[in-house]
C-alpha atoms as a PDB file:
ATOM      1  CA  MET A   1     -13.149 -16.666 -38.628  1.00  0.00           C
ATOM      2  CA  SER A   2     -15.788 -13.861 -37.252  1.00  0.00           C
ATOM      3  CA  CYS A   3     -19.766 -14.160 -39.202  1.00  0.00           C
ATOM      4  CA  GLN A   4     -19.543 -10.591 -38.379  1.00  0.00           C
ATOM      5  CA  HIS A   5     -18.996  -9.648 -42.359  1.00  0.00           C
ATOM      6  CA  LEU A   6     -20.909 -13.302 -43.888  1.00  0.00           C
ATOM      7  CA  VAL A   7     -24.416 -13.060 -45.447  1.00  0.00           C
ATOM      8  CA  CYS A   8     -26.766 -16.178 -45.471  1.00  0.00           C
ATOM      9  CA  ALA A   9     -27.073 -17.656 -48.305  1.00  0.00           C
ATOM     10  CA  GLN A  10     -31.292 -18.566 -47.131  1.00  0.00           C
ATOM     11  CA  CYS A  11     -32.064 -15.133 -46.083  1.00  0.00           C
ATOM     12  CA  ALA A  12     -30.050 -12.855 -47.620  1.00  0.00           C
ATOM     13  CA  HIS A  13     -28.947 -10.598 -44.322  1.00  0.00           C
ATOM     14  CA  PRO A  14     -26.137 -10.945 -42.445  1.00  0.00           C
ATOM     15  CA  VAL A  15     -25.257 -13.876 -40.403  1.00  0.00           C
ATOM     16  CA  ILE A  16     -24.503 -12.168 -37.088  1.00  0.00           C
ATOM     17  CA  GLU A  17     -27.970 -10.596 -36.948  1.00  0.00           C
ATOM     18  CA  GLY A  18     -29.747 -14.160 -36.707  1.00  0.00           C
ATOM     19  CA  ARG A  19     -33.138 -13.723 -38.883  1.00  0.00           C
ATOM     20  CA  CYS A  20     -33.609 -17.158 -39.340  1.00  0.00           C
ATOM     21  CA  ALA A  21     -32.710 -20.506 -38.323  1.00  0.00           C
ATOM     22  CA  VAL A  22     -29.946 -21.102 -40.457  1.00  0.00           C
ATOM     23  CA  CYS A  23     -28.390 -18.180 -38.933  1.00  0.00           C
ATOM     24  CA  ARG A  24     -29.012 -18.966 -35.753  1.00  0.00           C
ATOM     25  CA  ALA A  25     -27.194 -22.166 -36.599  1.00  0.00           C
ATOM     26  CA  ASN A  26     -24.446 -21.063 -38.026  1.00  0.00           C
ATOM     27  CA  ARG A  27     -23.879 -17.997 -35.242  1.00  0.00           C
ATOM     28  CA  GLU A  28     -23.530 -20.253 -32.500  1.00  0.00           C
ATOM     29  CA  ARG A  29     -21.628 -23.138 -34.417  1.00  0.00           C
ATOM     30  CA  MET A  30     -19.034 -20.360 -34.924  1.00  0.00           C
ATOM     31  CA  HIS A  31     -19.187 -18.775 -31.614  1.00  0.00           C
ATOM     32  CA  ASN A  32     -18.707 -22.392 -30.069  1.00  0.00           C
ATOM     33  CA  HIS A  33     -15.349 -22.447 -28.964  1.00  0.00           C
ATOM     34  CA  GLY A  34     -13.250 -25.546 -26.811  1.00  0.00           C
ATOM     35  CA  PHE A  35     -14.372 -29.078 -26.293  1.00  0.00           C
ATOM     36  CA  ALA A  36     -17.563 -29.619 -24.445  1.00  0.00           C
ATOM     37  CA  GLY A  37     -18.322 -25.442 -23.617  1.00  0.00           C
ATOM     38  CA  LEU A  38     -14.591 -25.243 -22.091  1.00  0.00           C
ATOM     39  CA  SER A  39     -12.115 -22.221 -23.483  1.00  0.00           C
ATOM     40  CA  PRO A  40      -8.674 -23.845 -25.365  1.00  0.00           C
ATOM     41  CA  ALA A  41      -6.546 -21.661 -22.695  1.00  0.00           C
ATOM     42  CA  LEU A  42      -8.778 -23.962 -19.904  1.00  0.00           C
ATOM     43  CA  LEU A  43      -8.370 -26.920 -21.746  1.00  0.00           C
ATOM     44  CA  ALA A  44      -4.674 -26.934 -21.486  1.00  0.00           C
ATOM     45  CA  GLY A  45      -4.721 -25.922 -17.441  1.00  0.00           C
ATOM     46  CA  LEU A  46      -6.285 -29.594 -16.708  1.00  0.00           C
ATOM     47  CA  LEU A  47      -4.358 -31.201 -18.935  1.00  0.00           C
ATOM     48  CA  LEU A  48      -1.064 -29.407 -17.313  1.00  0.00           C
ATOM     49  CA  ALA A  49      -2.634 -30.206 -13.536  1.00  0.00           C
ATOM     50  CA  LEU A  50      -3.227 -33.293 -15.222  1.00  0.00           C
ATOM     51  CA  LEU A  51       0.503 -33.651 -15.476  1.00  0.00           C
ATOM     52  CA  PHE A  52       1.773 -31.914 -12.983  1.00  0.00           C
ATOM     53  CA  LEU A  53      -0.624 -35.093 -10.510  1.00  0.00           C
ATOM     54  CA  THR A  54       0.512 -37.890 -12.280  1.00  0.00           C
ATOM     55  CA  LEU A  55       3.903 -36.935 -12.012  1.00  0.00           C
ATOM     56  CA  VAL A  56       3.138 -36.574  -8.038  1.00  0.00           C
ATOM     57  CA  LEU A  57       1.644 -39.447  -7.365  1.00  0.00           C
ATOM     58  CA  LYS A  58       4.512 -41.221  -9.165  1.00  0.00           C
ATOM     59  CA  HIS A  59       7.446 -39.352  -7.540  1.00  0.00           C
ATOM     60  CA  LEU A  60       5.040 -40.181  -4.290  1.00  0.00           C
ATOM     61  CA  SER A  61       4.814 -44.153  -4.805  1.00  0.00           C
ATOM     62  CA  GLY A  62       8.653 -44.695  -5.970  1.00  0.00           C
ATOM     63  CA  LEU A  63       8.423 -45.902  -9.329  1.00  0.00           C
END
């Protein structure tokens, strides 16, 4: 979803312009993606690396 075509209920201007505090807060909320500011692709890569590391450690320990 994009805030490009949304109109603020408080100031009646496009949210993308960020003219009031409500616009700025909603624009920031909509553009904040991922967990802790990380992109979903980076999170998936980190999870795959963790899985690979776990498998390597399991193989090396002989369990």
